[in-house]
């Protein structure tokens, strides 16, 4: 069975699907950041996960 188990200290940070048929999950930042054009930064989501062997994890930036 396909499963994903999320781990975080703050349940408000657990990634969610924005719609029932969404392929991916939306992550929330634990703090507010301003990222300017051409700038790169790393944000600790404070989230980890375990998933079954039929899943894979890819992290992509939003297009908007």
N, C-alpha and C. Protein backbone atom coordinates (compact mmCIF):
# COMPACT_ATOMS: atom_id res chain seq x y z
N UNK A 1 0.83 -1.18 0.00
CA UNK A 1 0.00 0.00 0.00
C UNK A 1 0.88 1.25 0.00
N UNK A 2 0.51 2.24 -0.78
CA UNK A 2 1.25 3.50 -0.86
C UNK A 2 0.93 4.37 0.35
N UNK A 3 1.98 4.78 1.06
CA UNK A 3 1.76 5.62 2.23
C UNK A 3 2.84 6.69 2.33
N UNK A 4 2.47 7.81 2.92
CA UNK A 4 3.43 8.85 3.28
C UNK A 4 3.13 9.22 4.72
N UNK A 5 4.15 9.19 5.58
CA UNK A 5 3.98 9.58 6.97
C UNK A 5 4.82 10.83 7.21
N UNK A 6 4.14 11.93 7.54
CA UNK A 6 4.80 13.21 7.75
C UNK A 6 5.20 13.36 9.22
N UNK A 7 6.34 13.99 9.47
CA UNK A 7 6.83 14.24 10.82
C UNK A 7 7.13 15.73 10.96
N UNK A 8 6.56 16.37 11.97
CA UNK A 8 6.84 17.77 12.26
C UNK A 8 6.36 18.08 13.67
N UNK A 9 6.94 19.09 14.29
CA UNK A 9 6.51 19.48 15.64
C UNK A 9 5.27 20.38 15.59
N UNK A 10 5.00 21.00 14.43
CA UNK A 10 3.86 21.91 14.29
C UNK A 10 2.92 21.36 13.21
N UNK A 11 1.76 20.88 13.61
CA UNK A 11 0.83 20.26 12.66
C UNK A 11 0.37 21.21 11.55
N UNK A 12 0.50 22.53 11.75
CA UNK A 12 0.13 23.49 10.71
C UNK A 12 1.10 23.42 9.53
N UNK A 13 2.25 22.81 9.71
CA UNK A 13 3.26 22.74 8.65
C UNK A 13 3.17 21.46 7.81
N UNK A 14 2.27 20.54 8.16
CA UNK A 14 2.15 19.29 7.40
C UNK A 14 1.71 19.62 5.98
N UNK A 15 2.46 19.17 4.97
CA UNK A 15 2.10 19.45 3.57
C UNK A 15 0.71 18.90 3.23
N UNK A 16 -0.01 19.63 2.38
CA UNK A 16 -1.35 19.24 1.97
C UNK A 16 -1.48 19.34 0.47
N UNK A 17 -2.41 18.58 -0.08
CA UNK A 17 -2.77 18.71 -1.49
C UNK A 17 -3.79 19.85 -1.59
N UNK A 18 -3.62 20.73 -2.58
CA UNK A 18 -4.53 21.87 -2.68
C UNK A 18 -5.91 21.47 -3.20
N UNK A 19 -5.98 20.39 -3.98
CA UNK A 19 -7.26 19.86 -4.44
C UNK A 19 -7.22 18.34 -4.35
N UNK A 20 -8.37 17.72 -4.43
CA UNK A 20 -8.47 16.27 -4.31
C UNK A 20 -7.60 15.53 -5.33
N UNK A 21 -7.49 16.08 -6.54
CA UNK A 21 -6.76 15.40 -7.61
C UNK A 21 -5.35 15.95 -7.84
N UNK A 22 -4.85 16.76 -6.92
CA UNK A 22 -3.49 17.29 -7.05
C UNK A 22 -2.47 16.16 -7.01
N UNK A 23 -1.45 16.27 -7.83
CA UNK A 23 -0.39 15.26 -7.85
C UNK A 23 0.57 15.48 -6.69
N UNK A 24 0.86 16.73 -6.38
CA UNK A 24 1.85 17.05 -5.36
C UNK A 24 1.25 17.66 -4.12
N UNK A 25 2.12 17.91 -3.16
CA UNK A 25 1.75 18.52 -1.89
C UNK A 25 2.31 19.93 -1.82
N UNK A 26 1.60 20.82 -1.16
CA UNK A 26 2.07 22.18 -0.94
C UNK A 26 2.72 22.27 0.43
N UNK A 27 3.95 22.78 0.49
CA UNK A 27 4.65 23.00 1.74
C UNK A 27 4.48 24.44 2.16
N UNK A 28 4.43 24.68 3.46
CA UNK A 28 4.33 26.03 4.01
C UNK A 28 5.65 26.36 4.70
N UNK A 29 6.05 27.59 4.59
CA UNK A 29 7.26 28.03 5.28
C UNK A 29 6.92 28.33 6.74
N UNK A 30 7.78 27.94 7.67
CA UNK A 30 7.51 28.24 9.08
C UNK A 30 7.72 29.72 9.42
N UNK A 31 8.38 30.47 8.53
CA UNK A 31 8.62 31.90 8.74
C UNK A 31 8.40 32.64 7.43
N UNK A 32 8.17 33.96 7.51
CA UNK A 32 8.00 34.79 6.32
C UNK A 32 9.38 35.15 5.74
N UNK A 33 9.51 35.06 4.44
CA UNK A 33 10.75 35.40 3.75
C UNK A 33 10.43 36.28 2.55
N UNK A 34 11.35 37.13 2.18
CA UNK A 34 11.27 37.86 0.93
C UNK A 34 12.42 37.37 0.07
N UNK A 35 12.10 36.83 -1.09
CA UNK A 35 13.11 36.34 -2.02
C UNK A 35 13.04 37.22 -3.27
N UNK A 36 14.10 37.92 -3.54
CA UNK A 36 14.13 38.85 -4.65
C UNK A 36 14.51 38.15 -5.95
N UNK A 37 14.17 38.76 -7.10
CA UNK A 37 14.53 38.15 -8.38
C UNK A 37 16.02 37.84 -8.45
N UNK A 38 16.35 36.72 -9.04
CA UNK A 38 17.72 36.23 -9.21
C UNK A 38 18.36 35.78 -7.89
N UNK A 39 17.61 35.77 -6.82
CA UNK A 39 18.14 35.37 -5.52
C UNK A 39 17.74 33.93 -5.23
N UNK A 40 18.59 33.22 -4.54
CA UNK A 40 18.33 31.85 -4.13
C UNK A 40 18.50 31.75 -2.62
N UNK A 41 17.65 31.00 -1.97
CA UNK A 41 17.81 30.78 -0.54
C UNK A 41 17.30 29.39 -0.17
N UNK A 42 17.76 28.89 0.96
CA UNK A 42 17.28 27.61 1.47
C UNK A 42 16.36 27.89 2.65
N UNK A 43 15.23 27.19 2.69
CA UNK A 43 14.27 27.35 3.77
C UNK A 43 14.04 25.99 4.41
N UNK A 44 14.28 25.91 5.70
CA UNK A 44 14.03 24.67 6.44
C UNK A 44 12.53 24.58 6.70
N UNK A 45 11.87 23.59 6.11
CA UNK A 45 10.42 23.44 6.27
C UNK A 45 10.05 22.84 7.62
N UNK A 46 11.03 22.33 8.35
CA UNK A 46 10.80 21.67 9.64
C UNK A 46 9.92 20.42 9.48
N UNK A 47 9.96 19.81 8.30
CA UNK A 47 9.14 18.63 8.00
C UNK A 47 10.05 17.52 7.46
N UNK A 48 9.79 16.31 7.90
CA UNK A 48 10.44 15.14 7.32
C UNK A 48 9.35 14.13 7.00
N UNK A 49 9.71 13.07 6.26
CA UNK A 49 8.69 12.09 5.92
C UNK A 49 9.29 10.71 5.71
N UNK A 50 8.43 9.72 5.81
CA UNK A 50 8.74 8.34 5.46
C UNK A 50 7.73 7.96 4.39
N UNK A 51 8.17 7.21 3.38
CA UNK A 51 7.21 6.79 2.36
C UNK A 51 7.53 5.40 1.86
N UNK A 52 6.51 4.75 1.32
CA UNK A 52 6.65 3.37 0.86
C UNK A 52 7.54 3.31 -0.39
N UNK A 53 8.04 2.14 -0.70
CA UNK A 53 9.04 1.98 -1.77
C UNK A 53 8.48 2.22 -3.17
N UNK A 54 7.16 2.35 -3.31
CA UNK A 54 6.59 2.65 -4.63
C UNK A 54 6.42 4.16 -4.85
N UNK A 55 6.94 4.99 -3.95
CA UNK A 55 6.87 6.45 -4.06
C UNK A 55 8.29 7.01 -4.26
N UNK A 56 8.37 8.24 -4.75
CA UNK A 56 9.63 8.96 -4.81
C UNK A 56 9.36 10.40 -4.42
N UNK A 57 10.39 11.10 -3.99
CA UNK A 57 10.25 12.47 -3.54
C UNK A 57 11.01 13.40 -4.47
N UNK A 58 10.31 14.37 -5.00
CA UNK A 58 10.91 15.44 -5.81
C UNK A 58 10.41 16.76 -5.29
N UNK A 59 11.28 17.75 -5.20
CA UNK A 59 10.89 19.06 -4.69
C UNK A 59 11.10 20.08 -5.81
N UNK A 60 10.03 20.80 -6.13
CA UNK A 60 10.05 21.75 -7.24
C UNK A 60 9.52 23.09 -6.77
N UNK A 61 10.05 24.17 -7.31
CA UNK A 61 9.54 25.50 -7.02
C UNK A 61 8.22 25.73 -7.76
N UNK A 62 7.42 26.60 -7.23
CA UNK A 62 6.16 26.93 -7.89
C UNK A 62 6.43 27.77 -9.11
N UNK A 63 5.53 27.67 -10.06
CA UNK A 63 5.70 28.45 -11.29
C UNK A 63 5.15 29.86 -11.16
N UNK A 64 4.38 30.13 -10.11
CA UNK A 64 3.78 31.46 -9.99
C UNK A 64 4.50 32.35 -9.02
